[in-house]
Amino acid sequence: MAIHQLERVTNLLTVLLSARRHVTFEEIRNELRGQYPENLVAARAAFERDKAILRDEGVPIDQTVLGGDQAGQTGYRVLRSSYEIEDFGLSSDEARALRLAIGTIRLGTSWSTEALWKVDLHGAGDDESSGLGVELPVDERLPVIHRAIAEHHGVVFGYHGRERKLEPWGLLARDGWWYLVGREAASGEQRTFRIDRIEGKVEVDPSIVSEVPDGFSVRRAFPSDPKLLPDNLDVGADRAKVLIDHTDVTTVLAQYGDEALIERRADGSAVVAVPCVNVRAFMHWLFGFVERAEVIEPPLLRQAVIRWLDELVEVRS
């Protein structure tokens, strides 16, 4: 499935903001692998359009001709000082539109019951048929998170019925949703939260100092395993204990590493720790083993699996 242009533009902005030096088009293309066309000419044309969109929205892209082993190539970067402090002279309506375009959208999806905004990304005018229409459900929590990240403050919010205190490190749009990555105060571990699943408002907490680790990249930190991406069902644990048949133990350990092994049994089967933050993705993985895998813990996840199977039987009977 082709990535939505606005999602790619947002991720391009993330790359340019996080770059510690000017980066070339090839480096950007490699960082956003799969988001630009394979054909070099088409990829370059798409990149130029993406830059134009950012500049039209007031993003100050700095570019320079590089030297050394990259002599003659053009490097690009967005300096945080210019991006966060400069006054672009926008009216209140223009500033609101820009905040919505950058920070309050959910990409690649549509809901008939929600109020939708449309913007013309090509600036062709007010005609909705011109340019590229993008649906924009509004989420007022994202600008608050953007501000907290810029000011190196913590955030406090409800998630799965519990209060969470987080050092926010970065936001990323992926597959039509916004995700927040940071360090949770209670566990001291890096966590990923889906923005639309946050309960209530997000509050900025200046008493929490958020320091982004050296070398941190929100794209590299973002979980590649869909079972690590949070959804709307809390089963009381981030990892499940799963009994795997002896025929599949080698395959599962190759996927999750020997550190995932909890117990080996006499018949060759094994109990393995598997991510289950995203319950739907976990179930898709689990059911691929048919009868060769069984959830042992946590109890809420085991109940959810049994309930799903019972409902499936009822539908087919």
Protein backbone atom coordinates (compact mmCIF):
# COMPACT_ATOMS: atom_id res chain seq x y z
CA MET A 1 0.00 0.00 0.00
CA ALA A 2 1.42 3.38 -1.01
CA ILE A 3 2.11 5.77 1.83
CA HIS A 4 -0.06 8.87 2.02
CA GLN A 5 1.78 12.01 0.85
CA LEU A 6 0.95 13.99 3.99
CA GLU A 7 2.30 11.19 6.19
CA ARG A 8 5.52 11.18 4.14
CA VAL A 9 5.82 14.97 4.43
CA THR A 10 5.37 14.73 8.20
CA ASN A 11 8.06 12.06 8.43
CA LEU A 12 10.35 14.15 6.22
CA LEU A 13 9.95 17.02 8.68
CA THR A 14 10.86 14.65 11.53
CA VAL A 15 14.05 13.59 9.71
CA LEU A 16 15.09 17.18 8.95
CA LEU A 17 14.41 18.33 12.52
CA SER A 18 16.32 15.45 14.12
CA ALA A 19 19.33 15.68 11.78
CA ARG A 20 22.51 16.82 13.56
CA ARG A 21 24.04 17.87 10.22
CA HIS A 22 22.86 18.60 6.70
CA VAL A 23 21.67 15.39 5.04
CA THR A 24 21.54 14.61 1.33
CA PHE A 25 18.55 13.51 -0.70
CA GLU A 26 19.94 9.98 -0.85
CA GLU A 27 20.33 9.87 2.92
CA ILE A 28 16.75 11.11 3.35
CA ARG A 29 15.49 8.58 0.81
CA ASN A 30 17.30 5.80 2.67
CA GLU A 31 15.92 6.97 6.04
CA LEU A 32 12.39 7.02 4.58
CA ARG A 33 12.91 3.76 2.73
CA GLY A 34 9.79 2.63 0.90
CA GLN A 35 8.09 6.01 1.15
CA TYR A 36 9.52 7.48 -2.06
CA PRO A 37 9.20 5.84 -5.51
CA GLU A 38 11.89 3.36 -6.57
CA ASN A 39 12.52 5.31 -9.78
CA LEU A 40 15.15 7.96 -9.03
CA VAL A 41 13.59 10.66 -11.23
CA ALA A 42 10.13 10.09 -9.71
CA ALA A 43 11.60 10.03 -6.19
CA ARG A 44 13.42 13.33 -6.76
CA ALA A 45 10.24 14.94 -8.13
CA ALA A 46 8.24 13.73 -5.10
CA PHE A 47 10.94 15.07 -2.77
CA GLU A 48 10.83 18.49 -4.41
CA ARG A 49 7.03 18.58 -4.01
CA ASP A 50 7.36 17.60 -0.33
CA LYS A 51 9.90 20.38 0.28
CA ALA A 52 7.58 22.87 -1.40
CA ILE A 53 4.71 21.83 0.89
CA LEU A 54 6.85 22.33 4.00
CA ARG A 55 8.12 25.69 2.82
CA ASP A 56 4.60 26.83 1.92
CA GLU A 57 3.65 26.04 5.53
CA GLY A 58 6.50 28.23 6.82
CA VAL A 59 9.03 25.51 7.67
CA PRO A 60 12.54 26.99 7.23
CA ILE A 61 14.49 24.33 5.33
CA ASP A 62 18.17 25.24 5.31
CA GLN A 63 20.24 23.86 2.43
CA THR A 64 23.90 24.04 1.55
CA VAL A 65 26.39 22.56 -0.90
CA LEU A 66 28.48 19.97 0.93
CA GLY A 67 32.20 19.32 0.77
CA GLY A 68 34.48 16.41 1.60
CA ASP A 69 33.36 12.98 0.42
CA GLN A 70 29.94 14.48 -0.37
CA ALA A 71 31.39 17.36 -2.39
CA GLY A 72 28.91 18.96 -4.75
CA GLN A 73 25.82 17.37 -3.19
CA THR A 74 23.12 19.48 -1.58
CA GLY A 75 22.41 18.94 2.10
CA TYR A 76 19.15 19.78 3.90
CA ARG A 77 18.28 20.45 7.53
CA VAL A 78 15.68 22.26 9.65
CA LEU A 79 17.35 24.12 12.51
CA ARG A 80 15.26 23.76 15.65
CA SER A 81 16.09 27.33 16.72
CA SER A 82 14.60 28.70 13.51
CA TYR A 83 11.68 26.30 13.46
CA GLU A 84 10.61 26.79 17.08
CA ILE A 85 11.29 30.51 17.61
CA GLU A 86 10.83 32.37 14.33
CA ASP A 87 7.65 34.42 13.95
CA PHE A 88 6.24 33.78 10.50
CA GLY A 89 3.74 36.61 10.76
CA LEU A 90 0.73 34.32 10.42
CA SER A 91 -2.76 35.48 11.25
CA SER A 92 -4.61 33.61 14.01
CA ASP A 93 -6.58 31.66 11.40
CA GLU A 94 -3.44 30.79 9.46
CA ALA A 95 -1.63 29.71 12.62
CA ARG A 96 -4.56 27.50 13.60
CA ALA A 97 -4.62 25.91 10.13
CA LEU A 98 -0.89 25.24 10.32
CA ARG A 99 -1.15 23.66 13.78
CA LEU A 100 -3.93 21.42 12.51
CA ALA A 101 -2.00 20.46 9.38
CA ILE A 102 1.14 19.53 11.31
CA GLY A 103 -0.14 18.33 14.64
CA THR A 104 -3.78 17.30 14.78
CA ILE A 105 -4.44 14.85 11.99
CA ARG A 106 -5.04 11.16 11.67
CA LEU A 107 -3.97 10.01 8.23
CA GLY A 108 -5.41 7.59 5.70
CA THR A 109 -8.76 6.99 7.40
CA SER A 110 -12.30 8.38 7.25
CA TRP A 111 -15.30 8.49 9.57
CA SER A 112 -18.70 9.67 8.32
CA THR A 113 -19.74 10.75 11.80
CA GLU A 114 -16.82 13.13 12.43
CA ALA A 115 -16.46 16.74 11.38
CA LEU A 116 -13.84 16.85 8.63
CA TRP A 117 -11.51 19.56 7.44
CA LYS A 118 -10.09 19.79 3.93
CA VAL A 119 -6.97 21.56 2.86
CA ASP A 120 -5.50 22.15 -0.58
CA LEU A 121 -1.88 21.03 -0.22
CA HIS A 122 -0.97 22.54 -3.59
CA GLY A 123 -2.34 25.97 -2.73
CA ALA A 124 -4.47 26.01 -5.88
CA GLY A 125 -7.31 27.91 -4.26
CA ASP A 126 -10.53 27.29 -2.41
CA ASP A 127 -11.97 24.86 -4.94
CA GLU A 128 -12.18 21.51 -3.11
CA SER A 129 -11.67 19.68 -6.38
CA SER A 130 -8.23 21.19 -6.82
CA GLY A 131 -5.07 19.91 -5.20
CA LEU A 132 -4.97 16.98 -2.80
CA GLY A 133 -7.87 16.77 -0.33
CA VAL A 134 -6.97 15.46 3.11
CA GLU A 135 -9.46 14.62 5.85
CA LEU A 136 -8.56 16.18 9.19
CA PRO A 137 -10.32 14.99 12.36
CA VAL A 138 -9.22 17.40 15.07
CA ASP A 139 -7.32 16.24 18.14
CA GLU A 140 -6.48 19.13 20.46
CA ARG A 141 -3.97 17.08 22.46
CA LEU A 142 -1.28 16.99 19.78
CA PRO A 143 -0.30 20.69 19.93
CA VAL A 144 0.10 20.30 23.72
CA ILE A 145 2.47 17.38 23.17
CA HIS A 146 4.40 19.30 20.50
CA ARG A 147 4.86 22.18 22.97
CA ALA A 148 6.03 19.85 25.73
CA ILE A 149 8.62 18.26 23.43
CA ALA A 150 9.89 21.68 22.31
CA GLU A 151 10.15 22.93 25.91
CA HIS A 152 11.64 19.66 27.26
CA HIS A 153 8.79 19.22 29.73
CA GLY A 154 6.98 16.06 30.74
CA VAL A 155 3.35 15.21 30.03
CA VAL A 156 0.66 13.56 32.15
CA PHE A 157 -2.36 11.73 30.71
CA GLY A 158 -4.70 8.81 31.22
CA TYR A 159 -4.17 5.59 29.29
CA HIS A 160 -5.90 2.25 29.83
CA GLY A 161 -7.42 3.54 33.06
CA ARG A 162 -4.11 4.59 34.64
CA GLU A 163 -2.33 7.92 34.97
CA ARG A 164 0.85 8.01 32.92
CA LYS A 165 3.77 10.41 33.40
CA LEU A 166 6.05 10.56 30.40
CA GLU A 167 9.16 12.26 29.10
CA PRO A 168 8.02 12.85 25.50
CA TRP A 169 10.80 12.28 22.96
CA GLY A 170 9.01 12.32 19.63
CA LEU A 171 5.84 11.93 17.57
CA LEU A 172 5.46 9.86 14.41
CA ALA A 173 2.62 9.23 11.99
CA ARG A 174 2.38 5.58 10.95
CA ASP A 175 -0.34 3.72 9.02
CA GLY A 176 -2.93 6.45 9.58
CA TRP A 177 -2.32 7.04 13.31
CA TRP A 178 -0.17 9.28 15.49
CA TYR A 179 2.12 7.68 18.09
CA LEU A 180 4.05 9.24 20.97
CA VAL A 181 7.39 7.74 22.02
CA GLY A 182 9.08 8.55 25.32
CA ARG A 183 10.24 7.31 28.73
CA GLU A 184 7.57 6.47 31.29
CA ALA A 185 8.43 7.75 34.76
CA ALA A 186 6.99 4.78 36.66
CA SER A 187 8.99 2.09 34.87
CA GLY A 188 11.88 4.13 33.49
CA GLU A 189 11.37 2.29 30.19
CA GLN A 190 10.73 3.53 26.69
CA ARG A 191 7.05 3.32 25.78
CA THR A 192 4.89 3.99 22.72
CA PHE A 193 1.34 5.38 23.05
CA ARG A 194 -1.29 5.81 20.33
CA ILE A 195 -2.56 9.38 20.61
CA ASP A 196 -6.23 8.70 19.86
CA ARG A 197 -6.31 6.16 22.73
CA ILE A 198 -5.28 8.76 25.34
CA GLU A 199 -8.10 9.31 27.84
CA GLY A 200 -9.03 12.94 28.43
CA LYS A 201 -6.62 15.86 28.24
CA VAL A 202 -2.84 15.88 28.13
CA GLU A 203 -1.29 18.13 30.78
CA VAL A 204 2.21 19.59 30.56
CA ASP A 205 4.24 18.96 33.75
CA PRO A 206 7.24 21.36 33.98
CA SER A 207 8.51 19.46 37.04
CA ILE A 208 9.45 16.58 34.73
CA VAL A 209 12.56 17.39 32.70
CA SER A 210 12.52 15.56 29.37
CA GLU A 211 15.99 14.99 27.95
CA VAL A 212 16.09 13.20 24.61
CA PRO A 213 18.92 10.62 24.64
CA ASP A 214 21.90 11.26 22.38
CA GLY A 215 21.42 9.60 19.02
CA PHE A 216 17.70 9.05 19.57
CA SER A 217 15.67 8.71 16.37
CA VAL A 218 11.91 8.40 16.70
CA ARG A 219 11.79 6.40 13.46
CA ARG A 220 14.37 3.87 14.67
CA ALA A 221 12.79 3.75 18.13
CA PHE A 222 9.33 3.12 16.72
CA PRO A 223 8.43 -0.59 17.09
CA SER A 224 8.66 -2.55 13.84
CA ASP A 225 6.66 -5.42 15.38
CA PRO A 226 2.93 -4.54 15.18
CA LYS A 227 2.34 -6.50 18.40
CA LEU A 228 4.26 -3.73 20.20
CA LEU A 229 1.97 -0.96 18.92
CA PRO A 230 -0.74 -0.13 21.48
CA ASP A 231 -4.42 -0.56 20.69
CA ASN A 232 -7.57 -0.02 22.77
CA LEU A 233 -7.62 -3.25 24.82
CA ASP A 234 -5.63 -3.41 28.05
CA VAL A 235 -4.89 -6.96 29.24
CA GLY A 236 -2.75 -5.91 32.19
CA ALA A 237 0.64 -6.79 30.73
CA ASP A 238 2.93 -5.89 27.84
CA ARG A 239 4.07 -9.48 27.25
CA ALA A 240 2.24 -12.79 27.18
CA LYS A 241 3.42 -16.24 28.24
CA VAL A 242 2.64 -18.54 25.32
CA LEU A 243 3.09 -22.31 25.20
CA ILE A 244 4.54 -23.19 21.80
CA ASP A 245 4.46 -26.70 20.32
CA HIS A 246 7.84 -28.38 19.79
CA THR A 247 7.44 -28.07 16.01
CA ASP A 248 7.50 -24.25 16.19
CA VAL A 249 9.86 -23.44 19.07
CA THR A 250 12.86 -22.83 16.81
CA THR A 251 10.86 -20.48 14.57
CA VAL A 252 9.54 -18.41 17.48
CA LEU A 253 12.94 -18.12 19.18
CA ALA A 254 14.47 -17.04 15.88
CA GLN A 255 11.91 -14.24 15.80
CA TYR A 256 12.18 -13.08 19.43
CA GLY A 257 15.60 -14.32 20.52
CA ASP A 258 16.73 -16.78 23.17
CA GLU A 259 16.01 -14.20 25.89
CA ALA A 260 12.29 -14.72 25.19
CA LEU A 261 12.52 -18.36 26.39
CA ILE A 262 10.89 -18.83 29.81
CA GLU A 263 10.69 -22.61 30.13
CA ARG A 264 11.48 -25.73 28.11
CA ARG A 265 9.29 -28.77 28.71
CA ALA A 266 10.07 -32.48 28.49
CA ASP A 267 8.02 -32.98 25.32
CA GLY A 268 10.07 -30.33 23.46
CA SER A 269 7.48 -27.57 23.78
CA ALA A 270 8.42 -24.24 25.36
CA VAL A 271 6.88 -21.27 27.15
CA VAL A 272 7.92 -18.04 25.44
CA ALA A 273 7.41 -14.34 26.22
CA VAL A 274 5.71 -12.57 23.29
CA PRO A 275 4.72 -8.86 23.02
CA CYS A 276 0.95 -8.34 23.40
CA VAL A 277 0.57 -4.56 23.74
CA ASN A 278 -1.50 -4.66 20.54
CA VAL A 279 -3.99 -7.42 21.30
CA ARG A 280 -5.45 -7.58 17.79
CA ALA A 281 -2.00 -8.02 16.21
CA PHE A 282 -1.10 -10.57 18.89
CA MET A 283 -4.21 -12.62 18.10
CA HIS A 284 -3.43 -12.59 14.37
CA TRP A 285 0.04 -13.93 15.21
CA LEU A 286 -1.30 -16.50 17.68
CA PHE A 287 -3.99 -17.92 15.42
CA GLY A 288 -1.41 -18.51 12.71
CA PHE A 289 -0.22 -21.46 14.82
CA VAL A 290 -3.78 -22.91 15.02
CA GLU A 291 -3.68 -25.50 17.84
CA ARG A 292 0.12 -25.36 18.23
CA ALA A 293 0.15 -22.30 20.54
CA GLU A 294 -1.73 -21.58 23.79
CA VAL A 295 -1.87 -18.40 25.89
CA ILE A 296 -1.02 -19.09 29.54
CA GLU A 297 -0.81 -15.55 30.94
CA PRO A 298 -1.99 -12.87 31.52
CA PRO A 299 -5.49 -14.09 32.46
CA LEU A 300 -7.26 -11.17 30.75
CA LEU A 301 -5.55 -11.96 27.46
CA ARG A 302 -6.38 -15.66 27.76
CA GLN A 303 -10.03 -14.73 28.39
CA ALA A 304 -10.02 -12.39 25.37
CA VAL A 305 -8.69 -15.17 23.14
CA ILE A 306 -11.29 -17.66 24.41
CA ARG A 307 -14.07 -15.10 23.98
CA TRP A 308 -12.98 -14.32 20.42
CA LEU A 309 -12.91 -18.03 19.53
CA ASP A 310 -16.33 -18.61 21.13
CA GLU A 311 -17.80 -15.74 19.10
CA LEU A 312 -16.22 -17.13 15.94
CA VAL A 313 -17.80 -20.54 16.57
CA GLU A 314 -21.22 -18.93 17.16
CA VAL A 315 -21.01 -16.99 13.89
CA ARG A 316 -20.14 -20.09 11.90
CA SER A 317 -22.68 -22.39 13.58
